[in-house]
mmCIF file of all heavy atoms, coordinates in Angstrom:
data_MODEL
# 
_entry.id   MODEL 
# 
loop_
_atom_site.group_PDB 
_atom_site.id 
_atom_site.type_symbol 
_atom_site.label_atom_id 
_atom_site.label_alt_id 
_atom_site.label_comp_id 
_atom_site.label_asym_id 
_atom_site.label_entity_id 
_atom_site.label_seq_id 
_atom_site.pdbx_PDB_ins_code 
_atom_site.Cartn_x 
_atom_site.Cartn_y 
_atom_site.Cartn_z 
_atom_site.occupancy 
_atom_site.B_iso_or_equiv 
_atom_site.pdbx_formal_charge 
_atom_site.auth_seq_id 
_atom_site.auth_comp_id 
_atom_site.auth_asym_id 
_atom_site.auth_atom_id 
_atom_site.pdbx_PDB_model_num 
ATOM 1   N N   . LEU A 1 1  ? 2.892  11.213  4.674   1.00 0.00 ? 1  LEU A N   1 
ATOM 2   C CA  . LEU A 1 1  ? 3.103  12.140  3.573   1.00 0.00 ? 1  LEU A CA  1 
ATOM 3   C C   . LEU A 1 1  ? 1.776  12.429  2.892   1.00 0.00 ? 1  LEU A C   1 
ATOM 4   O O   . LEU A 1 1  ? 1.110  11.505  2.448   1.00 0.00 ? 1  LEU A O   1 
ATOM 5   C CB  . LEU A 1 1  ? 4.089  11.622  2.583   1.00 0.00 ? 1  LEU A CB  1 
ATOM 6   C CG  . LEU A 1 1  ? 5.518  11.282  3.103   1.00 0.00 ? 1  LEU A CG  1 
ATOM 7   C CD1 . LEU A 1 1  ? 6.328  10.673  2.013   1.00 0.00 ? 1  LEU A CD1 1 
ATOM 8   C CD2 . LEU A 1 1  ? 6.120  12.570  3.576   1.00 0.00 ? 1  LEU A CD2 1 
ATOM 9   N N   . VAL A 1 2  ? 1.358  13.668  2.800   1.00 0.00 ? 2  VAL A N   1 
ATOM 10  C CA  . VAL A 1 2  ? 0.128  14.033  2.129   1.00 0.00 ? 2  VAL A CA  1 
ATOM 11  C C   . VAL A 1 2  ? 0.418  14.256  0.671   1.00 0.00 ? 2  VAL A C   1 
ATOM 12  O O   . VAL A 1 2  ? 1.231  15.139  0.323   1.00 0.00 ? 2  VAL A O   1 
ATOM 13  C CB  . VAL A 1 2  ? -0.480 15.243  2.764   1.00 0.00 ? 2  VAL A CB  1 
ATOM 14  C CG1 . VAL A 1 2  ? -1.756 15.623  2.031   1.00 0.00 ? 2  VAL A CG1 1 
ATOM 15  C CG2 . VAL A 1 2  ? -0.860 14.955  4.256   1.00 0.00 ? 2  VAL A CG2 1 
ATOM 16  N N   . ARG A 1 3  ? -0.223 13.564  -0.203  1.00 0.00 ? 3  ARG A N   1 
ATOM 17  C CA  . ARG A 1 3  ? -0.026 13.781  -1.626  1.00 0.00 ? 3  ARG A CA  1 
ATOM 18  C C   . ARG A 1 3  ? -0.934 14.842  -2.136  1.00 0.00 ? 3  ARG A C   1 
ATOM 19  O O   . ARG A 1 3  ? -1.923 15.105  -1.503  1.00 0.00 ? 3  ARG A O   1 
ATOM 20  C CB  . ARG A 1 3  ? -0.205 12.431  -2.405  1.00 0.00 ? 3  ARG A CB  1 
ATOM 21  C CG  . ARG A 1 3  ? 0.631  11.264  -1.949  1.00 0.00 ? 3  ARG A CG  1 
ATOM 22  C CD  . ARG A 1 3  ? 2.137  11.526  -2.149  1.00 0.00 ? 3  ARG A CD  1 
ATOM 23  N NE  . ARG A 1 3  ? 2.414  11.815  -3.521  1.00 0.00 ? 3  ARG A NE  1 
ATOM 24  C CZ  . ARG A 1 3  ? 2.488  10.920  -4.498  1.00 0.00 ? 3  ARG A CZ  1 
ATOM 25  N NH1 . ARG A 1 3  ? 2.393  9.602   -4.243  1.00 0.00 ? 3  ARG A NH1 1 
ATOM 26  N NH2 . ARG A 1 3  ? 2.739  11.250  -5.754  1.00 0.00 ? 3  ARG A NH2 1 
ATOM 27  N N   . LYS A 1 4  ? -0.735 15.321  -3.319  1.00 0.00 ? 4  LYS A N   1 
ATOM 28  C CA  . LYS A 1 4  ? -1.539 16.393  -3.890  1.00 0.00 ? 4  LYS A CA  1 
ATOM 29  C C   . LYS A 1 4  ? -2.990 15.945  -4.249  1.00 0.00 ? 4  LYS A C   1 
ATOM 30  O O   . LYS A 1 4  ? -3.818 16.731  -4.394  1.00 0.00 ? 4  LYS A O   1 
ATOM 31  C CB  . LYS A 1 4  ? -0.867 17.003  -5.081  1.00 0.00 ? 4  LYS A CB  1 
ATOM 32  C CG  . LYS A 1 4  ? 0.399  17.867  -4.704  1.00 0.00 ? 4  LYS A CG  1 
ATOM 33  C CD  . LYS A 1 4  ? 1.022  18.551  -5.857  1.00 0.00 ? 4  LYS A CD  1 
ATOM 34  C CE  . LYS A 1 4  ? 2.150  19.435  -5.459  1.00 0.00 ? 4  LYS A CE  1 
ATOM 35  N NZ  . LYS A 1 4  ? 2.772  20.080  -6.560  1.00 0.00 ? 4  LYS A NZ  1 
ATOM 36  N N   . ARG A 1 5  ? -3.123 14.678  -4.393  1.00 0.00 ? 5  ARG A N   1 
ATOM 37  C CA  . ARG A 1 5  ? -4.425 14.170  -4.752  1.00 0.00 ? 5  ARG A CA  1 
ATOM 38  C C   . ARG A 1 5  ? -5.205 13.847  -3.459  1.00 0.00 ? 5  ARG A C   1 
ATOM 39  O O   . ARG A 1 5  ? -6.099 12.982  -3.432  1.00 0.00 ? 5  ARG A O   1 
ATOM 40  C CB  . ARG A 1 5  ? -4.310 12.919  -5.621  1.00 0.00 ? 5  ARG A CB  1 
ATOM 41  C CG  . ARG A 1 5  ? -3.651 13.265  -6.972  1.00 0.00 ? 5  ARG A CG  1 
ATOM 42  C CD  . ARG A 1 5  ? -3.593 12.120  -7.887  1.00 0.00 ? 5  ARG A CD  1 
ATOM 43  N NE  . ARG A 1 5  ? -2.931 12.468  -9.128  1.00 0.00 ? 5  ARG A NE  1 
ATOM 44  C CZ  . ARG A 1 5  ? -2.735 11.652  -10.159 1.00 0.00 ? 5  ARG A CZ  1 
ATOM 45  N NH1 . ARG A 1 5  ? -3.138 10.401  -10.070 1.00 0.00 ? 5  ARG A NH1 1 
ATOM 46  N NH2 . ARG A 1 5  ? -2.121 12.070  -11.229 1.00 0.00 ? 5  ARG A NH2 1 
ATOM 47  N N   . GLN A 1 6  ? -4.929 14.515  -2.384  1.00 0.00 ? 6  GLN A N   1 
ATOM 48  C CA  . GLN A 1 6  ? -5.647 14.375  -1.110  1.00 0.00 ? 6  GLN A CA  1 
ATOM 49  C C   . GLN A 1 6  ? -5.615 12.962  -0.520  1.00 0.00 ? 6  GLN A C   1 
ATOM 50  O O   . GLN A 1 6  ? -6.530 12.573  0.243   1.00 0.00 ? 6  GLN A O   1 
ATOM 51  C CB  . GLN A 1 6  ? -7.113 14.802  -1.275  1.00 0.00 ? 6  GLN A CB  1 
ATOM 52  C CG  . GLN A 1 6  ? -7.302 16.303  -1.416  1.00 0.00 ? 6  GLN A CG  1 
ATOM 53  C CD  . GLN A 1 6  ? -6.916 16.863  -2.743  1.00 0.00 ? 6  GLN A CD  1 
ATOM 54  O OE1 . GLN A 1 6  ? -7.352 16.268  -3.747  1.00 0.00 ? 6  GLN A OE1 1 
ATOM 55  N NE2 . GLN A 1 6  ? -6.158 17.909  -2.744  1.00 0.00 ? 6  GLN A NE2 1 
ATOM 56  N N   . SER A 1 7  ? -4.591 12.168  -0.868  1.00 0.00 ? 7  SER A N   1 
ATOM 57  C CA  . SER A 1 7  ? -4.389 10.919  -0.168  1.00 0.00 ? 7  SER A CA  1 
ATOM 58  C C   . SER A 1 7  ? -3.167 10.963  0.640   1.00 0.00 ? 7  SER A C   1 
ATOM 59  O O   . SER A 1 7  ? -2.236 11.788  0.407   1.00 0.00 ? 7  SER A O   1 
ATOM 60  C CB  . SER A 1 7  ? -4.339 9.790   -1.236  1.00 0.00 ? 7  SER A CB  1 
ATOM 61  O OG  . SER A 1 7  ? -3.199 9.960   -2.087  1.00 0.00 ? 7  SER A OG  1 
ATOM 62  N N   . THR A 1 8  ? -3.089 10.106  1.631   1.00 0.00 ? 8  THR A N   1 
ATOM 63  C CA  . THR A 1 8  ? -1.950 10.072  2.551   1.00 0.00 ? 8  THR A CA  1 
ATOM 64  C C   . THR A 1 8  ? -1.271 8.769   2.487   1.00 0.00 ? 8  THR A C   1 
ATOM 65  O O   . THR A 1 8  ? -1.931 7.719   2.548   1.00 0.00 ? 8  THR A O   1 
ATOM 66  C CB  . THR A 1 8  ? -2.421 10.346  3.991   1.00 0.00 ? 8  THR A CB  1 
ATOM 67  O OG1 . THR A 1 8  ? -3.028 11.638  4.039   1.00 0.00 ? 8  THR A OG1 1 
ATOM 68  C CG2 . THR A 1 8  ? -1.223 10.356  4.965   1.00 0.00 ? 8  THR A CG2 1 
ATOM 69  N N   . ILE A 1 9  ? 0.090  8.777   2.298   1.00 0.00 ? 9  ILE A N   1 
ATOM 70  C CA  . ILE A 1 9  ? 0.867  7.536   2.381   1.00 0.00 ? 9  ILE A CA  1 
ATOM 71  C C   . ILE A 1 9  ? 1.672  7.562   3.683   1.00 0.00 ? 9  ILE A C   1 
ATOM 72  O O   . ILE A 1 9  ? 2.479  8.429   3.834   1.00 0.00 ? 9  ILE A O   1 
ATOM 73  C CB  . ILE A 1 9  ? 1.777  7.460   1.109   1.00 0.00 ? 9  ILE A CB  1 
ATOM 74  C CG1 . ILE A 1 9  ? 0.944  7.368   -0.144  1.00 0.00 ? 9  ILE A CG1 1 
ATOM 75  C CG2 . ILE A 1 9  ? 2.647  6.199   1.255   1.00 0.00 ? 9  ILE A CG2 1 
ATOM 76  C CD1 . ILE A 1 9  ? 1.691  7.316   -1.361  1.00 0.00 ? 9  ILE A CD1 1 
ATOM 77  N N   . ASP A 1 10 ? 1.382  6.644   4.518   1.00 0.00 ? 10 ASP A N   1 
ATOM 78  C CA  . ASP A 1 10 ? 2.025  6.521   5.812   1.00 0.00 ? 10 ASP A CA  1 
ATOM 79  C C   . ASP A 1 10 ? 3.246  5.682   5.688   1.00 0.00 ? 10 ASP A C   1 
ATOM 80  O O   . ASP A 1 10 ? 3.241  4.480   5.437   1.00 0.00 ? 10 ASP A O   1 
ATOM 81  C CB  . ASP A 1 10 ? 1.055  5.961   6.844   1.00 0.00 ? 10 ASP A CB  1 
ATOM 82  C CG  . ASP A 1 10 ? 1.608  5.879   8.254   1.00 0.00 ? 10 ASP A CG  1 
ATOM 83  O OD1 . ASP A 1 10 ? 2.698  6.367   8.456   1.00 0.00 ? 10 ASP A OD1 1 
ATOM 84  O OD2 . ASP A 1 10 ? 0.920  5.239   9.083   1.00 0.00 ? 10 ASP A OD2 1 
ATOM 85  N N   . LEU A 1 11 ? 4.435  6.274   6.006   1.00 0.00 ? 11 LEU A N   1 
ATOM 86  C CA  . LEU A 1 11 ? 5.706  5.584   5.886   1.00 0.00 ? 11 LEU A CA  1 
ATOM 87  C C   . LEU A 1 11 ? 6.102  4.835   7.190   1.00 0.00 ? 11 LEU A C   1 
ATOM 88  O O   . LEU A 1 11 ? 7.207  4.274   7.285   1.00 0.00 ? 11 LEU A O   1 
ATOM 89  C CB  . LEU A 1 11 ? 6.809  6.516   5.528   1.00 0.00 ? 11 LEU A CB  1 
ATOM 90  C CG  . LEU A 1 11 ? 6.738  7.138   4.099   1.00 0.00 ? 11 LEU A CG  1 
ATOM 91  C CD1 . LEU A 1 11 ? 7.935  7.922   3.772   1.00 0.00 ? 11 LEU A CD1 1 
ATOM 92  C CD2 . LEU A 1 11 ? 6.481  6.057   3.007   1.00 0.00 ? 11 LEU A CD2 1 
ATOM 93  N N   . THR A 1 12 ? 5.228  4.924   8.214   1.00 0.00 ? 12 THR A N   1 
ATOM 94  C CA  . THR A 1 12 ? 5.603  4.268   9.436   1.00 0.00 ? 12 THR A CA  1 
ATOM 95  C C   . THR A 1 12 ? 5.729  2.781   9.260   1.00 0.00 ? 12 THR A C   1 
ATOM 96  O O   . THR A 1 12 ? 4.769  2.112   8.798   1.00 0.00 ? 12 THR A O   1 
ATOM 97  C CB  . THR A 1 12 ? 4.488  4.532   10.507  1.00 0.00 ? 12 THR A CB  1 
ATOM 98  O OG1 . THR A 1 12 ? 4.290  5.937   10.642  1.00 0.00 ? 12 THR A OG1 1 
ATOM 99  C CG2 . THR A 1 12 ? 4.911  3.944   11.855  1.00 0.00 ? 12 THR A CG2 1 
ATOM 100 N N   . PRO A 1 13 ? 6.871  2.171   9.603   1.00 0.00 ? 13 PRO A N   1 
ATOM 101 C CA  . PRO A 1 13 ? 7.052  0.707   9.463   1.00 0.00 ? 13 PRO A CA  1 
ATOM 102 C C   . PRO A 1 13 ? 6.264  -0.011  10.493  1.00 0.00 ? 13 PRO A C   1 
ATOM 103 O O   . PRO A 1 13 ? 5.961  0.554   11.577  1.00 0.00 ? 13 PRO A O   1 
ATOM 104 C CB  . PRO A 1 13 ? 8.534  0.541   9.623   1.00 0.00 ? 13 PRO A CB  1 
ATOM 105 C CG  . PRO A 1 13 ? 9.001  1.713   10.403  1.00 0.00 ? 13 PRO A CG  1 
ATOM 106 C CD  . PRO A 1 13 ? 8.097  2.829   10.064  1.00 0.00 ? 13 PRO A CD  1 
ATOM 107 N N   . PRO A 1 14 ? 5.949  -1.341  10.208  1.00 0.00 ? 14 PRO A N   1 
ATOM 108 C CA  . PRO A 1 14 ? 6.271  -2.122  8.982   1.00 0.00 ? 14 PRO A CA  1 
ATOM 109 C C   . PRO A 1 14 ? 5.346  -1.820  7.886   1.00 0.00 ? 14 PRO A C   1 
ATOM 110 O O   . PRO A 1 14 ? 4.183  -1.517  8.083   1.00 0.00 ? 14 PRO A O   1 
ATOM 111 C CB  . PRO A 1 14 ? 6.211  -3.541  9.503   1.00 0.00 ? 14 PRO A CB  1 
ATOM 112 C CG  . PRO A 1 14 ? 5.156  -3.496  10.554  1.00 0.00 ? 14 PRO A CG  1 
ATOM 113 C CD  . PRO A 1 14 ? 5.294  -2.131  11.229  1.00 0.00 ? 14 PRO A CD  1 
ATOM 114 N N   . TRP A 1 15 ? 5.817  -2.019  6.635   1.00 0.00 ? 15 TRP A N   1 
ATOM 115 C CA  . TRP A 1 15 ? 5.000  -1.882  5.491   1.00 0.00 ? 15 TRP A CA  1 
ATOM 116 C C   . TRP A 1 15 ? 4.418  -3.233  5.096   1.00 0.00 ? 15 TRP A C   1 
ATOM 117 O O   . TRP A 1 15 ? 5.080  -4.313  5.259   1.00 0.00 ? 15 TRP A O   1 
ATOM 118 C CB  . TRP A 1 15 ? 5.822  -1.360  4.318   1.00 0.00 ? 15 TRP A CB  1 
ATOM 119 C CG  . TRP A 1 15 ? 6.399  0.032   4.558   1.00 0.00 ? 15 TRP A CG  1 
ATOM 120 C CD1 . TRP A 1 15 ? 6.104  0.877   5.546   1.00 0.00 ? 15 TRP A CD1 1 
ATOM 121 C CD2 . TRP A 1 15 ? 7.443  0.668   3.800   1.00 0.00 ? 15 TRP A CD2 1 
ATOM 122 N NE1 . TRP A 1 15 ? 6.794  2.084   5.482   1.00 0.00 ? 15 TRP A NE1 1 
ATOM 123 C CE2 . TRP A 1 15 ? 7.652  1.938   4.396   1.00 0.00 ? 15 TRP A CE2 1 
ATOM 124 C CE3 . TRP A 1 15 ? 8.192  0.327   2.653   1.00 0.00 ? 15 TRP A CE3 1 
ATOM 125 C CZ2 . TRP A 1 15 ? 8.616  2.824   3.962   1.00 0.00 ? 15 TRP A CZ2 1 
ATOM 126 C CZ3 . TRP A 1 15 ? 9.096  1.191   2.179   1.00 0.00 ? 15 TRP A CZ3 1 
ATOM 127 C CH2 . TRP A 1 15 ? 9.328  2.448   2.781   1.00 0.00 ? 15 TRP A CH2 1 
ATOM 128 N N   . PRO A 1 16 ? 3.233  -3.261  4.560   1.00 0.00 ? 16 PRO A N   1 
ATOM 129 C CA  . PRO A 1 16 ? 2.598  -4.580  4.151   1.00 0.00 ? 16 PRO A CA  1 
ATOM 130 C C   . PRO A 1 16 ? 3.372  -5.300  3.043   1.00 0.00 ? 16 PRO A C   1 
ATOM 131 O O   . PRO A 1 16 ? 4.055  -4.583  2.200   1.00 0.00 ? 16 PRO A O   1 
ATOM 132 C CB  . PRO A 1 16 ? 1.198  -4.150  3.725   1.00 0.00 ? 16 PRO A CB  1 
ATOM 133 C CG  . PRO A 1 16 ? 1.291  -2.708  3.332   1.00 0.00 ? 16 PRO A CG  1 
ATOM 134 C CD  . PRO A 1 16 ? 2.317  -2.084  4.285   1.00 0.00 ? 16 PRO A CD  1 
ATOM 135 N N   . ARG A 1 17 ? 3.306  -6.609  3.079   1.00 0.00 ? 17 ARG A N   1 
ATOM 136 C CA  . ARG A 1 17 ? 3.917  -7.398  2.071   1.00 0.00 ? 17 ARG A CA  1 
ATOM 137 C C   . ARG A 1 17 ? 2.887  -8.394  1.541   1.00 0.00 ? 17 ARG A C   1 
ATOM 138 O O   . ARG A 1 17 ? 2.191  -9.038  2.298   1.00 0.00 ? 17 ARG A O   1 
ATOM 139 C CB  . ARG A 1 17 ? 5.101  -8.178  2.627   1.00 0.00 ? 17 ARG A CB  1 
ATOM 140 C CG  . ARG A 1 17 ? 6.187  -7.340  3.247   1.00 0.00 ? 17 ARG A CG  1 
ATOM 141 C CD  . ARG A 1 17 ? 7.359  -8.174  3.834   1.00 0.00 ? 17 ARG A CD  1 
ATOM 142 N NE  . ARG A 1 17 ? 8.374  -7.327  4.405   1.00 0.00 ? 17 ARG A NE  1 
ATOM 143 C CZ  . ARG A 1 17 ? 9.491  -7.816  4.908   1.00 0.00 ? 17 ARG A CZ  1 
ATOM 144 N NH1 . ARG A 1 17 ? 9.757  -9.125  4.919   1.00 0.00 ? 17 ARG A NH1 1 
ATOM 145 N NH2 . ARG A 1 17 ? 10.411 -6.979  5.410   1.00 0.00 ? 17 ARG A NH2 1 
ATOM 146 N N   . LEU A 1 18 ? 2.798  -8.402  0.210   1.00 0.00 ? 18 LEU A N   1 
ATOM 147 C CA  . LEU A 1 18 ? 1.835  -9.325  -0.513  1.00 0.00 ? 18 LEU A CA  1 
ATOM 148 C C   . LEU A 1 18 ? 2.569  -10.123 -1.518  1.00 0.00 ? 18 LEU A C   1 
ATOM 149 O O   . LEU A 1 18 ? 3.397  -9.577  -2.305  1.00 0.00 ? 18 LEU A O   1 
ATOM 150 C CB  . LEU A 1 18 ? 0.784  -8.464  -1.197  1.00 0.00 ? 18 LEU A CB  1 
ATOM 151 C CG  . LEU A 1 18 ? -0.420 -7.937  -0.520  1.00 0.00 ? 18 LEU A CG  1 
ATOM 152 C CD1 . LEU A 1 18 ? -1.265 -7.074  -1.427  1.00 0.00 ? 18 LEU A CD1 1 
ATOM 153 C CD2 . LEU A 1 18 ? -1.280 -9.088  0.060   1.00 0.00 ? 18 LEU A CD2 1 
ATOM 154 N N   . THR A 1 19 ? 2.326  -11.433 -1.546  1.00 0.00 ? 19 THR A N   1 
ATOM 155 C CA  . THR A 1 19 ? 2.843  -12.163 -2.723  1.00 0.00 ? 19 THR A CA  1 
ATOM 156 C C   . THR A 1 19 ? 2.047  -11.822 -3.961  1.00 0.00 ? 19 THR A C   1 
ATOM 157 O O   . THR A 1 19 ? 0.892  -11.343 -3.877  1.00 0.00 ? 19 THR A O   1 
ATOM 158 C CB  . THR A 1 19 ? 2.710  -13.687 -2.502  1.00 0.00 ? 19 THR A CB  1 
ATOM 159 O OG1 . THR A 1 19 ? 1.303  -14.082 -2.495  1.00 0.00 ? 19 THR A OG1 1 
ATOM 160 C CG2 . THR A 1 19 ? 3.300  -14.140 -1.146  1.00 0.00 ? 19 THR A CG2 1 
ATOM 161 N N   . VAL A 1 20 ? 2.644  -11.971 -5.082  1.00 0.00 ? 20 VAL A N   1 
ATOM 162 C CA  . VAL A 1 20 ? 1.982  -11.633 -6.299  1.00 0.00 ? 20 VAL A CA  1 
ATOM 163 C C   . VAL A 1 20 ? 0.763  -12.501 -6.468  1.00 0.00 ? 20 VAL A C   1 
ATOM 164 O O   . VAL A 1 20 ? -0.271 -12.013 -6.946  1.00 0.00 ? 20 VAL A O   1 
ATOM 165 C CB  . VAL A 1 20 ? 2.936  -11.796 -7.544  1.00 0.00 ? 20 VAL A CB  1 
ATOM 166 C CG1 . VAL A 1 20 ? 2.243  -11.661 -8.870  1.00 0.00 ? 20 VAL A CG1 1 
ATOM 167 C CG2 . VAL A 1 20 ? 4.139  -10.817 -7.408  1.00 0.00 ? 20 VAL A CG2 1 
ATOM 168 N N   . ASP A 1 21 ? 0.822  -13.760 -6.099  1.00 0.00 ? 21 ASP A N   1 
ATOM 169 C CA  . ASP A 1 21 ? -0.339 -14.625 -6.160  1.00 0.00 ? 21 ASP A CA  1 
ATOM 170 C C   . ASP A 1 21 ? -1.456 -14.113 -5.307  1.00 0.00 ? 21 ASP A C   1 
ATOM 171 O O   . ASP A 1 21 ? -2.635 -14.119 -5.755  1.00 0.00 ? 21 ASP A O   1 
ATOM 172 C CB  . ASP A 1 21 ? 0.061  -16.066 -5.717  1.00 0.00 ? 21 ASP A CB  1 
ATOM 173 C CG  . ASP A 1 21 ? -1.062 -17.093 -5.960  1.00 0.00 ? 21 ASP A CG  1 
ATOM 174 O OD1 . ASP A 1 21 ? -1.420 -17.304 -7.111  1.00 0.00 ? 21 ASP A OD1 1 
ATOM 175 O OD2 . ASP A 1 21 ? -1.569 -17.586 -4.916  1.00 0.00 ? 21 ASP A OD2 1 
ATOM 176 N N   . GLU A 1 22 ? -1.166 -13.633 -4.027  1.00 0.00 ? 22 GLU A N   1 
ATOM 177 C CA  . GLU A 1 22 ? -2.210 -13.079 -3.241  1.00 0.00 ? 22 GLU A CA  1 
ATOM 178 C C   . GLU A 1 22 ? -2.899 -11.819 -3.900  1.00 0.00 ? 22 GLU A C   1 
ATOM 179 O O   . GLU A 1 22 ? -4.104 -11.689 -3.819  1.00 0.00 ? 22 GLU A O   1 
ATOM 180 C CB  . GLU A 1 22 ? -1.631 -12.674 -1.860  1.00 0.00 ? 22 GLU A CB  1 
ATOM 181 C CG  . GLU A 1 22 ? -1.224 -13.831 -1.004  1.00 0.00 ? 22 GLU A CG  1 
ATOM 182 C CD  . GLU A 1 22 ? -0.478 -13.405 0.206   1.00 0.00 ? 22 GLU A CD  1 
ATOM 183 O OE1 . GLU A 1 22 ? 0.180  -12.321 0.204   1.00 0.00 ? 22 GLU A OE1 1 
ATOM 184 O OE2 . GLU A 1 22 ? -0.483 -14.145 1.228   1.00 0.00 ? 22 GLU A OE2 1 
ATOM 185 N N   . ALA A 1 23 ? -2.078 -11.025 -4.475  1.00 0.00 ? 23 ALA A N   1 
ATOM 186 C CA  . ALA A 1 23 ? -2.586 -9.754  -5.149  1.00 0.00 ? 23 ALA A CA  1 
ATOM 187 C C   . ALA A 1 23 ? -3.486 -10.133 -6.315  1.00 0.00 ? 23 ALA A C   1 
ATOM 188 O O   . ALA A 1 23 ? -4.543 -9.544  -6.446  1.00 0.00 ? 23 ALA A O   1 
ATOM 189 C CB  . ALA A 1 23 ? -1.454 -8.891  -5.570  1.00 0.00 ? 23 ALA A CB  1 
ATOM 190 N N   . PHE A 1 24 ? -3.043 -11.135 -7.139  1.00 0.00 ? 24 PHE A N   1 
ATOM 191 C CA  . PHE A 1 24 ? -3.877 -11.467 -8.272  1.00 0.00 ? 24 PHE A CA  1 
ATOM 192 C C   . PHE A 1 24 ? -5.184 -12.221 -7.823  1.00 0.00 ? 24 PHE A C   1 
ATOM 193 O O   . PHE A 1 24 ? -6.245 -11.945 -8.430  1.00 0.00 ? 24 PHE A O   1 
ATOM 194 C CB  . PHE A 1 24 ? -3.097 -12.369 -9.272  1.00 0.00 ? 24 PHE A CB  1 
ATOM 195 C CG  . PHE A 1 24 ? -2.319 -11.571 -10.280 1.00 0.00 ? 24 PHE A CG  1 
ATOM 196 C CD1 . PHE A 1 24 ? -1.161 -10.887 -9.916  1.00 0.00 ? 24 PHE A CD1 1 
ATOM 197 C CD2 . PHE A 1 24 ? -2.780 -11.527 -11.588 1.00 0.00 ? 24 PHE A CD2 1 
ATOM 198 C CE1 . PHE A 1 24 ? -0.442 -10.179 -10.870 1.00 0.00 ? 24 PHE A CE1 1 
ATOM 199 C CE2 . PHE A 1 24 ? -2.035 -10.795 -12.519 1.00 0.00 ? 24 PHE A CE2 1 
ATOM 200 C CZ  . PHE A 1 24 ? -0.912 -10.101 -12.156 1.00 0.00 ? 24 PHE A CZ  1 
ATOM 201 N N   . ARG A 1 25 ? -5.081 -13.013 -6.827  1.00 0.00 ? 25 ARG A N   1 
ATOM 202 C CA  . ARG A 1 25 ? -6.315 -13.655 -6.348  1.00 0.00 ? 25 ARG A CA  1 
ATOM 203 C C   . ARG A 1 25 ? -7.287 -12.643 -5.814  1.00 0.00 ? 25 ARG A C   1 
ATOM 204 O O   . ARG A 1 25 ? -8.500 -12.693 -6.063  1.00 0.00 ? 25 ARG A O   1 
ATOM 205 C CB  . ARG A 1 25 ? -5.955 -14.664 -5.221  1.00 0.00 ? 25 ARG A CB  1 
ATOM 206 C CG  . ARG A 1 25 ? -5.328 -15.955 -5.684  1.00 0.00 ? 25 ARG A CG  1 
ATOM 207 C CD  . ARG A 1 25 ? -4.893 -16.771 -4.440  1.00 0.00 ? 25 ARG A CD  1 
ATOM 208 N NE  . ARG A 1 25 ? -4.235 -18.011 -4.791  1.00 0.00 ? 25 ARG A NE  1 
ATOM 209 C CZ  . ARG A 1 25 ? -4.887 -19.170 -5.020  1.00 0.00 ? 25 ARG A CZ  1 
ATOM 210 N NH1 . ARG A 1 25 ? -6.170 -19.222 -4.858  1.00 0.00 ? 25 ARG A NH1 1 
ATOM 211 N NH2 . ARG A 1 25 ? -4.221 -20.263 -5.344  1.00 0.00 ? 25 ARG A NH2 1 
ATOM 212 N N   . ARG A 1 26 ? -6.794 -11.647 -5.085  1.00 0.00 ? 26 ARG A N   1 
ATOM 213 C CA  . ARG A 1 26 ? -7.649 -10.641 -4.397  1.00 0.00 ? 26 ARG A CA  1 
ATOM 214 C C   . ARG A 1 26 ? -8.264 -9.715  -5.425  1.00 0.00 ? 26 ARG A C   1 
ATOM 215 O O   . ARG A 1 26 ? -9.482 -9.390  -5.303  1.00 0.00 ? 26 ARG A O   1 
ATOM 216 C CB  . ARG A 1 26 ? -6.833 -9.845  -3.400  1.00 0.00 ? 26 ARG A CB  1 
ATOM 217 C CG  . ARG A 1 26 ? -7.628 -8.756  -2.678  1.00 0.00 ? 26 ARG A CG  1 
ATOM 218 C CD  . ARG A 1 26 ? -6.730 -7.978  -1.710  1.00 0.00 ? 26 ARG A CD  1 
ATOM 219 N NE  . ARG A 1 26 ? -6.049 -8.767  -0.786  1.00 0.00 ? 26 ARG A NE  1 
ATOM 220 C CZ  . ARG A 1 26 ? -5.285 -8.325  0.224   1.00 0.00 ? 26 ARG A CZ  1 
ATOM 221 N NH1 . ARG A 1 26 ? -5.108 -6.954  0.305   1.00 0.00 ? 26 ARG A NH1 1 
ATOM 222 N NH2 . ARG A 1 26 ? -4.763 -9.110  1.104   1.00 0.00 ? 26 ARG A NH2 1 
ATOM 223 N N   . TRP A 1 27 ? -7.531 -9.230  -6.493  1.00 0.00 ? 27 TRP A N   1 
ATOM 224 C CA  . TRP A 1 27 ? -7.979 -8.174  -7.278  1.00 0.00 ? 27 TRP A CA  1 
ATOM 225 C C   . TRP A 1 27 ? -8.248 -8.540  -8.789  1.00 0.00 ? 27 TRP A C   1 
ATOM 226 O O   . TRP A 1 27 ? -8.973 -7.820  -9.455  1.00 0.00 ? 27 TRP A O   1 
ATOM 227 C CB  . TRP A 1 27 ? -7.027 -7.029  -7.212  1.00 0.00 ? 27 TRP A CB  1 
ATOM 228 C CG  . TRP A 1 27 ? -6.944 -6.390  -5.890  1.00 0.00 ? 27 TRP A CG  1 
ATOM 229 C CD1 . TRP A 1 27 ? -8.021 -5.960  -5.086  1.00 0.00 ? 27 TRP A CD1 1 
ATOM 230 C CD2 . TRP A 1 27 ? -5.738 -6.049  -5.104  1.00 0.00 ? 27 TRP A CD2 1 
ATOM 231 N NE1 . TRP A 1 27 ? -7.570 -5.396  -3.904  1.00 0.00 ? 27 TRP A NE1 1 
ATOM 232 C CE2 . TRP A 1 27 ? -6.191 -5.429  -3.926  1.00 0.00 ? 27 TRP A CE2 1 
ATOM 233 C CE3 . TRP A 1 27 ? -4.425 -6.157  -5.350  1.00 0.00 ? 27 TRP A CE3 1 
ATOM 234 C CZ2 . TRP A 1 27 ? -5.314 -5.032  -2.914  1.00 0.00 ? 27 TRP A CZ2 1 
ATOM 235 C CZ3 . TRP A 1 27 ? -3.516 -5.713  -4.364  1.00 0.00 ? 27 TRP A CZ3 1 
ATOM 236 C CH2 . TRP A 1 27 ? -3.975 -5.163  -3.206  1.00 0.00 ? 27 TRP A CH2 1 
# 
């Protein structure tokens, strides 16, 4: 799907899964 802000979100599965802890550690 092409969004209006020129970014593309790909809905093809599988979608990534992140634990909240992984997300907070990373970012």
